[in-house]
Structures are given as C-alpha cells and as structure tokens.
C-alpha cells in the first residue's frame, strides 16, 4: 500500500490553515494541498521583493490568504476562528541562521512566541482537530556526532536560530502535556498536536539569502563563481517534497488516529550516502548546470554546525514514511526547476512545472 497516497485522500474537502504559506516550503505545500482538494487559507507576511516561490507561481491569485504576522496573536486567533480550520500546518518562521545573529530578538520572538501564538489559537478554535508544528533539524543540542539525532535527544542550539527552534519544540511539548494530553482526548479537548523536524530542504523556488542552493543558482545564472563558506560541513539534504510528504502523512495520521501520533518526528535521508558535504553539493550542481566554478570563502564566519544528521527510523517504522529521492535526484530536479524558470518565468508555466514535479513525485512507488 502507498501510505502517502492513502493518507493524502483525507485532505479532500478539509479546511486547512497554513502559516508561512508565502515562503519556500509553504508555497510548495499550499499548491500540493490544493491539488489534493483541500480548502487552504494561507497566513503569512507578503513575499519579499524580488524572486520568490510565491511570486514565481503567482500563488496570491490562486490561494486565499491573509497577510498575518504570527507575532500578532489577536489577529491570528480571530482569523483562525473566522475560518474554522480542521487542521493547521505551522511553517511560519525566521528560517535562517545568519540573520539570527544580526537580529536575534526578531528571530526569538517570531519562532518562540509565534509558535506559542499558533498553539494558543488552536486551543481556542473549536474546529481544529490537528496541528503539525514544523521546527528544524537544528533544534537538537548539536554535539557534532557522526550518527543521527533521535527524537528523544535533548533540545539545544548554539546560535539564536537553533535555540529558537529548540524552544519551539519545548513549547509544543508543553502544550501537548498541559492542554492536549492523550488521556483527556475526546473529553476536555479534541486536538492532536505533533512536531516535525526535517533536514535541509532543497528544490526549485528557494531564493533565501545566505542559503546554499539559491546562492548557487544566482551565481550560475550570472556566470559568477559560487562562493561557499563551509565546504566540509555536512547536512541531511533532501528534496522539499520529501519533507512535505512527511508533514502530510503526519497530519493525516493525527486526523485519523488523534494523539497516538502526537509527538516529535524526524524526516530526513535514510541512506548514509545521502549525507553530502557542502562542497560535494556545489560540485554536483555545477556539473548538472554544465559549467560553473566555485571558490571557498576563508574569511571569519559566524558559528554554524559542522556535522548534522537525523535518524528517521521512527517515521519509517510507525508512519510508513520514506524519502523517494536520493540527493543526486533531488539536485537534478532542483536544477531542472531553475532552468525552466530562467527560460520562461511566466507564472502559469512555472505552476504547471511545479505541479508536474509534485505529480511525478507522488507516482514513485
């Protein structure tokens, strides 16, 4: 049985609130949910000026949305009550390490209190049956281990971004234990909540600043060398659709089985051969592009983790989730998406390109 296809059927006709819908992963998920027949309401800040996944697909003309900052609890809670969603996918965040050094208070407020606001709004919205709180692989206290972190390993964080994601996990657990306990499900509450921790998502439409993949394609498009800061650093690279398939499968299980699945879940590459270094990723992208070169920036940089891997055995065993793309395949599809956009940036064309990639992904056994 295809667990993803089986679970995806549950979203047809459901009302879904998606925070962070205007971001990279949020835009992909909004389109996928709409393809599944869900009624999606996107919450998020306006897409930044310049290229973005949201603008590339002109999602604002396709997905009903409200420009809501999750830091504004009153507006968030009222909008949630007005829409009466069945499930909430919380992706909104300040999602980058380097900006968290530049403005730590914004990162902490958005990622910590923003998560608390979403959970509190879920608590006071009678229609909500499930919530998937998306954090990060960087939520763990990183000991630079060579093996993957498991869901019961301690939370932590050296930089403000990582610390904020560890705190978001602690807040989510606190809400589960304090307001959505399994033993009281169906008595004092009706909400099943879980958190999702994924690896470094790659895919078309990411134009984030100081992120490796968009930095690569910006440089290649301009015929400039790609500058890389930490060539030996390794990350759990995975295609964005592998991340999102985990979120969708988890959300479906929460809707079907309630708090039985209400805990933290890792979604990451299974094969150790997919834990590539930054330099290897860049070298492969240059090969796929057909030309291009890179240089290594030896100047002092803010601290970032050198080694980071996740163990997703639990998701494989209990959810039946597995990644469908190896890293090389993920990079090939990512490169194809950017080439399509550079050849013809028309939003309808790019929407078709993106939908085709989603459909191809779902057809993989």
Protein backbone atom coordinates (compact mmCIF):
# COMPACT_ATOMS: atom_id res chain seq x y z
CA UNK A 1 0.00 0.00 0.00
CA UNK A 2 1.23 3.51 -0.81
CA UNK A 3 0.96 5.19 2.60
CA UNK A 4 1.29 8.68 1.15
CA UNK A 5 -1.47 8.25 -1.45
CA UNK A 6 -3.69 6.57 1.12
CA UNK A 7 -3.16 9.38 3.63
CA UNK A 8 -3.49 12.14 1.03
CA UNK A 9 -7.12 11.24 0.33
CA UNK A 10 -8.09 12.52 3.77
CA UNK A 11 -7.37 16.14 2.78
CA UNK A 12 -10.04 16.36 0.07
CA UNK A 13 -12.59 18.93 1.24
CA UNK A 14 -10.78 19.72 4.50
CA UNK A 15 -10.23 23.28 5.65
CA UNK A 16 -6.52 23.90 6.20
CA UNK A 17 -4.70 26.87 7.71
CA UNK A 18 -1.11 27.07 6.50
CA UNK A 19 1.14 29.57 8.26
CA UNK A 20 4.18 30.67 6.30
CA UNK A 21 2.37 29.94 3.05
CA UNK A 22 4.31 32.66 1.19
CA UNK A 23 7.68 31.06 1.97
CA UNK A 24 9.63 28.44 0.01
CA UNK A 25 8.26 25.28 1.64
CA UNK A 26 4.90 26.90 2.35
CA UNK A 27 4.34 27.69 -1.32
CA UNK A 28 5.06 24.09 -2.35
CA UNK A 29 2.75 22.78 0.38
CA UNK A 30 -0.05 25.21 -0.49
CA UNK A 31 -0.03 24.04 -4.10
CA UNK A 32 0.11 20.37 -3.10
CA UNK A 33 -2.79 20.73 -0.63
CA UNK A 34 -4.86 22.46 -3.29
CA UNK A 35 -4.07 19.62 -5.70
CA UNK A 36 -5.41 17.21 -3.07
CA UNK A 37 -8.70 19.13 -2.93
CA UNK A 38 -8.19 20.92 0.38
CA UNK A 39 -9.59 24.38 1.05
CA UNK A 40 -6.45 26.28 2.02
CA UNK A 41 -6.17 29.61 3.79
CA UNK A 42 -2.62 30.92 3.87
CA UNK A 43 -1.31 33.06 6.72
CA UNK A 44 1.95 34.85 6.13
CA UNK A 45 3.80 38.08 5.51
CA UNK A 46 3.92 39.46 1.97
CA UNK A 47 6.56 37.76 -0.15
CA UNK A 48 9.81 39.76 -0.22
CA UNK A 49 10.64 41.95 -3.20
CA UNK A 50 12.44 40.15 -5.95
CA UNK A 51 12.13 36.48 -6.89
CA UNK A 52 10.27 34.12 -4.58
CA UNK A 53 8.44 30.84 -4.97
CA UNK A 54 5.18 32.59 -4.16
CA UNK A 55 5.73 35.20 -6.88
CA UNK A 56 7.07 32.66 -9.39
CA UNK A 57 3.75 30.78 -9.21
CA UNK A 58 1.58 33.87 -8.54
CA UNK A 59 0.04 31.98 -5.63
CA UNK A 60 -1.67 35.09 -4.30
CA UNK A 61 -4.10 34.84 -7.23
CA UNK A 62 -4.72 31.14 -6.56
CA UNK A 63 -4.67 30.63 -2.77
CA UNK A 64 -6.92 32.62 -0.41
CA UNK A 65 -4.60 34.29 2.05
CA UNK A 66 -4.27 36.87 4.79
CA UNK A 67 -1.15 38.90 5.49
CA UNK A 68 -0.88 37.98 9.17
CA UNK A 69 2.21 38.19 11.32
CA UNK A 70 2.11 35.32 13.83
CA UNK A 71 3.55 37.76 16.36
CA UNK A 72 0.08 39.42 16.35
CA UNK A 73 -1.87 36.96 18.49
CA UNK A 74 -5.21 38.81 18.46
CA UNK A 75 -5.37 38.95 14.66
CA UNK A 76 -4.13 35.38 14.29
CA UNK A 77 -6.68 33.98 16.75
CA UNK A 78 -9.61 35.89 15.24
CA UNK A 79 -8.68 34.86 11.70
CA UNK A 80 -8.43 31.22 12.81
CA UNK A 81 -11.87 31.39 14.45
CA UNK A 82 -13.37 33.02 11.37
CA UNK A 83 -12.06 30.31 9.03
CA UNK A 84 -12.69 27.33 11.34
CA UNK A 85 -9.96 25.01 10.00
CA UNK A 86 -9.83 21.26 10.52
CA UNK A 87 -6.02 21.19 10.63
CA UNK A 88 -3.18 23.69 10.95
CA UNK A 89 0.27 23.34 9.38
CA UNK A 90 2.59 25.80 11.10
CA UNK A 91 5.58 26.66 8.88
CA UNK A 92 5.94 30.40 9.54
CA UNK A 93 9.37 31.30 10.94
CA UNK A 94 12.53 33.32 10.63
CA UNK A 95 14.22 30.39 8.96
CA UNK A 96 17.91 31.30 8.61
CA UNK A 97 20.92 31.01 10.90
CA UNK A 98 22.93 34.06 9.79
CA UNK A 99 20.11 36.64 10.15
CA UNK A 100 19.53 35.32 13.66
CA UNK A 101 22.94 36.74 14.61
CA UNK A 102 22.01 40.10 13.09
CA UNK A 103 18.59 40.40 14.75
CA UNK A 104 18.28 37.77 17.48
CA UNK A 105 15.24 39.34 19.14
CA UNK A 106 13.20 39.16 15.94
CA UNK A 107 14.19 35.51 15.46
CA UNK A 108 13.39 34.58 19.05
CA UNK A 109 10.09 36.45 19.10
CA UNK A 110 8.90 35.04 15.78
CA UNK A 111 9.97 31.45 16.31
CA UNK A 112 9.21 31.07 20.01
CA UNK A 113 6.25 33.34 20.73
CA UNK A 114 4.91 32.86 17.20
CA UNK A 115 4.70 29.11 17.82
CA UNK A 116 3.02 29.71 21.18
CA UNK A 117 0.50 32.01 19.48
CA UNK A 118 -0.36 29.37 16.89
CA UNK A 119 -0.85 26.70 19.56
CA UNK A 120 -2.94 29.04 21.70
CA UNK A 121 -5.10 29.92 18.69
CA UNK A 122 -5.58 26.20 18.03
CA UNK A 123 -6.63 25.73 21.67
CA UNK A 124 -9.35 28.35 21.31
CA UNK A 125 -10.66 27.37 17.87
CA UNK A 126 -13.37 24.73 18.22
CA UNK A 127 -12.96 23.28 14.73
CA UNK A 128 -9.26 22.39 14.97
CA UNK A 129 -8.65 18.65 15.20
CA UNK A 130 -4.92 18.51 14.44
CA UNK A 131 -1.82 20.69 14.18
CA UNK A 132 1.60 19.95 12.71
CA UNK A 133 4.25 22.28 14.14
CA UNK A 134 7.30 22.40 11.85
CA UNK A 135 10.59 23.21 13.53
CA UNK A 136 14.05 22.23 12.23
CA UNK A 137 16.82 19.65 12.30
CA UNK A 138 18.78 22.33 14.19
CA UNK A 139 16.51 22.06 17.23
CA UNK A 140 18.78 19.41 18.76
CA UNK A 141 21.72 20.13 21.05
CA UNK A 142 24.43 19.54 18.49
CA UNK A 143 27.38 17.52 19.73
CA UNK A 144 28.81 17.19 16.20
CA UNK A 145 28.09 13.45 16.31
CA UNK A 146 28.58 11.28 13.24
CA UNK A 147 25.27 9.50 13.86
CA UNK A 148 21.78 10.90 13.52
CA UNK A 149 19.85 12.58 16.31
CA UNK A 150 16.78 10.73 17.53
CA UNK A 151 13.52 12.29 18.60
CA UNK A 152 14.26 11.80 22.30
CA UNK A 153 17.67 13.51 22.19
CA UNK A 154 17.97 16.83 24.10
CA UNK A 155 16.98 20.11 22.52
CA UNK A 156 19.60 22.86 22.31
CA UNK A 157 21.10 25.44 19.98
CA UNK A 158 24.37 27.36 19.72
CA UNK A 159 23.05 30.23 17.57
CA UNK A 160 19.81 32.17 18.17
CA UNK A 161 18.03 30.42 15.29
CA UNK A 162 18.82 26.91 16.54
CA UNK A 163 17.96 27.90 20.11
CA UNK A 164 14.63 29.31 18.97
CA UNK A 165 13.76 26.02 17.27
CA UNK A 166 14.71 24.04 20.34
CA UNK A 167 12.45 26.34 22.38
CA UNK A 168 9.61 25.90 19.86
CA UNK A 169 9.87 22.15 20.44
CA UNK A 170 9.74 22.61 24.21
CA UNK A 171 6.70 24.87 23.91
CA UNK A 172 4.95 22.35 21.67
CA UNK A 173 5.60 19.57 24.17
CA UNK A 174 4.38 21.81 26.98
CA UNK A 175 1.09 22.49 25.17
CA UNK A 176 0.62 18.79 24.45
CA UNK A 177 1.13 17.88 28.11
CA UNK A 178 -0.74 20.85 29.59
CA UNK A 179 -3.67 21.37 27.22
CA UNK A 180 -3.84 18.44 24.78
CA UNK A 181 -2.93 15.36 26.88
CA UNK A 182 -3.63 11.99 25.32
CA UNK A 183 -5.64 10.77 28.32
CA UNK A 184 -8.08 13.69 28.02
CA UNK A 185 -8.57 13.44 24.26
CA UNK A 186 -12.28 13.44 23.48
CA UNK A 187 -13.11 14.62 27.00
CA UNK A 188 -11.59 18.03 27.71
CA UNK A 189 -10.08 18.63 24.26
CA UNK A 190 -10.19 17.34 20.69
CA UNK A 191 -6.81 18.42 19.29
CA UNK A 192 -3.88 16.18 18.29
CA UNK A 193 -0.55 18.02 18.00
CA UNK A 194 2.82 16.85 16.70
CA UNK A 195 6.11 18.45 15.69
CA UNK A 196 8.11 17.77 12.53
CA UNK A 197 11.88 18.13 12.23
CA UNK A 198 13.23 17.90 8.70
CA UNK A 199 16.60 18.18 7.06
CA UNK A 200 17.87 20.88 4.71
CA UNK A 201 15.12 21.18 2.10
CA UNK A 202 16.24 21.77 -1.48
CA UNK A 203 14.08 22.40 -4.51
CA UNK A 204 13.07 24.97 -7.05
CA UNK A 205 11.83 28.34 -5.90
CA UNK A 206 14.12 28.92 -2.94
CA UNK A 207 15.62 32.40 -3.12
CA UNK A 208 16.52 32.72 0.55
CA UNK A 209 19.52 34.87 1.38
CA UNK A 210 22.68 33.05 2.52
CA UNK A 211 21.28 29.65 1.62
CA UNK A 212 23.45 27.31 -0.39
CA UNK A 213 21.09 26.28 -3.20
CA UNK A 214 19.80 29.75 -4.13
CA UNK A 215 23.33 31.14 -3.79
CA UNK A 216 24.46 28.54 -6.33
CA UNK A 217 21.81 29.32 -8.93
CA UNK A 218 22.11 33.08 -8.52
CA UNK A 219 25.83 32.80 -9.21
CA UNK A 220 25.48 30.33 -12.10
CA UNK A 221 22.77 32.42 -13.75
CA UNK A 222 25.05 35.47 -13.56
CA UNK A 223 28.08 33.43 -14.75
CA UNK A 224 29.89 34.13 -11.45
CA UNK A 225 31.76 31.67 -9.23
CA UNK A 226 29.74 30.19 -6.37
CA UNK A 227 31.19 31.30 -3.02
CA UNK A 228 30.94 28.71 -0.26
CA UNK A 229 31.70 29.30 3.40
CA UNK A 230 31.84 25.83 5.00
CA UNK A 231 32.92 23.36 2.30
CA UNK A 232 33.33 20.40 4.66
CA UNK A 233 30.05 20.88 6.54
CA UNK A 234 27.56 18.03 6.08
CA UNK A 235 23.78 18.30 6.18
CA UNK A 236 20.79 15.98 5.70
CA UNK A 237 19.95 17.32 2.23
CA UNK A 238 16.53 16.28 0.91
CA UNK A 239 14.09 17.41 -1.72
CA UNK A 240 11.38 19.71 -0.44
CA UNK A 241 8.72 17.18 -1.47
CA UNK A 242 10.29 14.56 0.80
CA UNK A 243 9.92 16.99 3.73
CA UNK A 244 6.35 17.88 2.81
CA UNK A 245 5.29 14.27 2.26
CA UNK A 246 6.30 13.67 5.88
CA UNK A 247 4.22 16.63 7.08
CA UNK A 248 1.19 15.49 5.08
CA UNK A 249 1.46 11.90 6.25
CA UNK A 250 1.83 13.01 9.86
CA UNK A 251 -1.13 15.38 9.56
CA UNK A 252 -3.30 12.62 8.11
CA UNK A 253 -2.39 10.24 10.94
CA UNK A 254 -3.26 12.89 13.53
CA UNK A 255 -6.65 13.41 11.89
CA UNK A 256 -7.31 9.68 11.68
CA UNK A 257 -5.92 8.47 14.99
CA UNK A 258 -5.71 11.52 17.23
CA UNK A 259 -2.92 11.93 19.80
CA UNK A 260 -1.49 8.44 19.23
CA UNK A 261 0.92 10.20 16.85
CA UNK A 262 1.19 13.39 18.92
CA UNK A 263 4.95 13.71 19.48
CA UNK A 264 8.12 14.75 17.63
CA UNK A 265 9.10 13.21 14.27
CA UNK A 266 12.25 13.33 12.16
CA UNK A 267 12.08 13.36 8.35
CA UNK A 268 15.49 13.04 6.74
CA UNK A 269 17.55 10.93 4.33
CA UNK A 270 17.74 7.25 5.23
CA UNK A 271 20.86 6.27 3.31
CA UNK A 272 24.15 7.49 4.87
CA UNK A 273 25.35 8.01 1.30
CA UNK A 274 22.98 10.97 1.06
CA UNK A 275 24.77 12.94 3.79
CA UNK A 276 26.85 15.10 1.45
CA UNK A 277 29.29 17.88 2.21
CA UNK A 278 28.59 21.41 1.04
CA UNK A 279 31.45 21.22 -1.44
CA UNK A 280 30.14 17.99 -2.95
CA UNK A 281 26.67 19.50 -3.38
CA UNK A 282 28.10 22.57 -5.15
CA UNK A 283 30.34 20.47 -7.35
CA UNK A 284 27.36 18.33 -8.42
CA UNK A 285 25.20 21.37 -9.19
CA UNK A 286 27.96 22.83 -11.37
CA UNK A 287 28.13 19.50 -13.22
CA UNK A 288 24.37 19.45 -13.77
CA UNK A 289 24.44 23.07 -14.94
CA UNK A 290 27.10 22.19 -17.50
CA UNK A 291 29.59 24.85 -16.46
CA UNK A 292 30.42 26.95 -13.47
CA UNK A 293 33.02 27.06 -10.76
CA UNK A 294 33.23 27.80 -7.07
CA UNK A 295 35.54 29.47 -4.61
CA UNK A 296 35.93 28.94 -0.89
CA UNK A 297 35.48 31.96 1.39
CA UNK A 298 38.17 31.70 4.07
CA UNK A 299 37.13 34.84 5.97
CA UNK A 300 35.85 34.51 9.57
CA UNK A 301 32.20 33.41 9.72
CA UNK A 302 29.58 33.17 12.47
CA UNK A 303 29.39 29.71 14.02
CA UNK A 304 27.36 27.09 12.18
CA UNK A 305 27.19 23.38 12.85
CA UNK A 306 29.78 21.29 11.01
CA UNK A 307 28.02 17.92 11.17
CA UNK A 308 24.27 17.40 11.46
CA UNK A 309 22.29 14.25 10.73
CA UNK A 310 18.86 12.97 11.74
CA UNK A 311 17.68 9.44 12.46
CA UNK A 312 14.25 8.92 10.89
CA UNK A 313 13.80 5.23 11.77
CA UNK A 314 10.75 6.11 13.87
CA UNK A 315 8.94 7.79 10.95
CA UNK A 316 9.80 4.85 8.72
CA UNK A 317 8.61 2.26 11.23
CA UNK A 318 5.50 3.95 12.63
CA UNK A 319 4.30 6.22 9.81
CA UNK A 320 5.49 4.18 6.85
CA UNK A 321 7.32 7.25 5.54
CA UNK A 322 10.41 7.04 3.37
CA UNK A 323 12.26 9.55 1.19
CA UNK A 324 11.65 8.98 -2.51
CA UNK A 325 14.63 10.90 -3.88
CA UNK A 326 18.31 10.36 -3.34
CA UNK A 327 20.36 13.56 -3.09
CA UNK A 328 21.56 13.34 -6.70
CA UNK A 329 17.94 13.04 -7.91
CA UNK A 330 16.85 15.92 -5.69
CA UNK A 331 19.58 18.15 -7.11
CA UNK A 332 18.68 17.14 -10.67
CA UNK A 333 15.02 18.10 -10.19
CA UNK A 334 16.01 21.31 -8.45
CA UNK A 335 18.28 22.29 -11.33
CA UNK A 336 15.52 21.48 -13.83
CA UNK A 337 13.10 23.77 -11.98
CA UNK A 338 15.50 26.74 -12.02
CA UNK A 339 16.32 26.21 -15.69
CA UNK A 340 12.61 26.22 -16.51
CA UNK A 341 12.15 29.47 -14.60
CA UNK A 342 15.15 31.12 -16.27
CA UNK A 343 13.94 30.04 -19.72
CA UNK A 344 10.32 31.06 -19.17
CA UNK A 345 9.38 32.76 -15.88
CA UNK A 346 5.67 33.03 -16.75
CA UNK A 347 3.75 32.07 -13.54
CA UNK A 348 1.32 29.74 -15.35
CA UNK A 349 4.23 27.90 -16.93
CA UNK A 350 6.00 27.60 -13.59
CA UNK A 351 2.82 26.50 -11.85
CA UNK A 352 2.50 23.70 -14.41
CA UNK A 353 6.17 22.81 -13.95
CA UNK A 354 5.76 22.64 -10.19
CA UNK A 355 2.54 20.62 -10.34
CA UNK A 356 4.22 18.21 -12.73
CA UNK A 357 7.08 17.71 -10.26
CA UNK A 358 4.56 17.06 -7.47
CA UNK A 359 2.65 14.54 -9.57
CA UNK A 360 5.85 12.77 -10.67
CA UNK A 361 6.87 12.54 -7.03
CA UNK A 362 3.57 11.01 -5.90
CA UNK A 363 3.77 8.36 -8.63
CA UNK A 364 7.05 6.96 -7.31
CA UNK A 365 6.42 3.62 -5.52
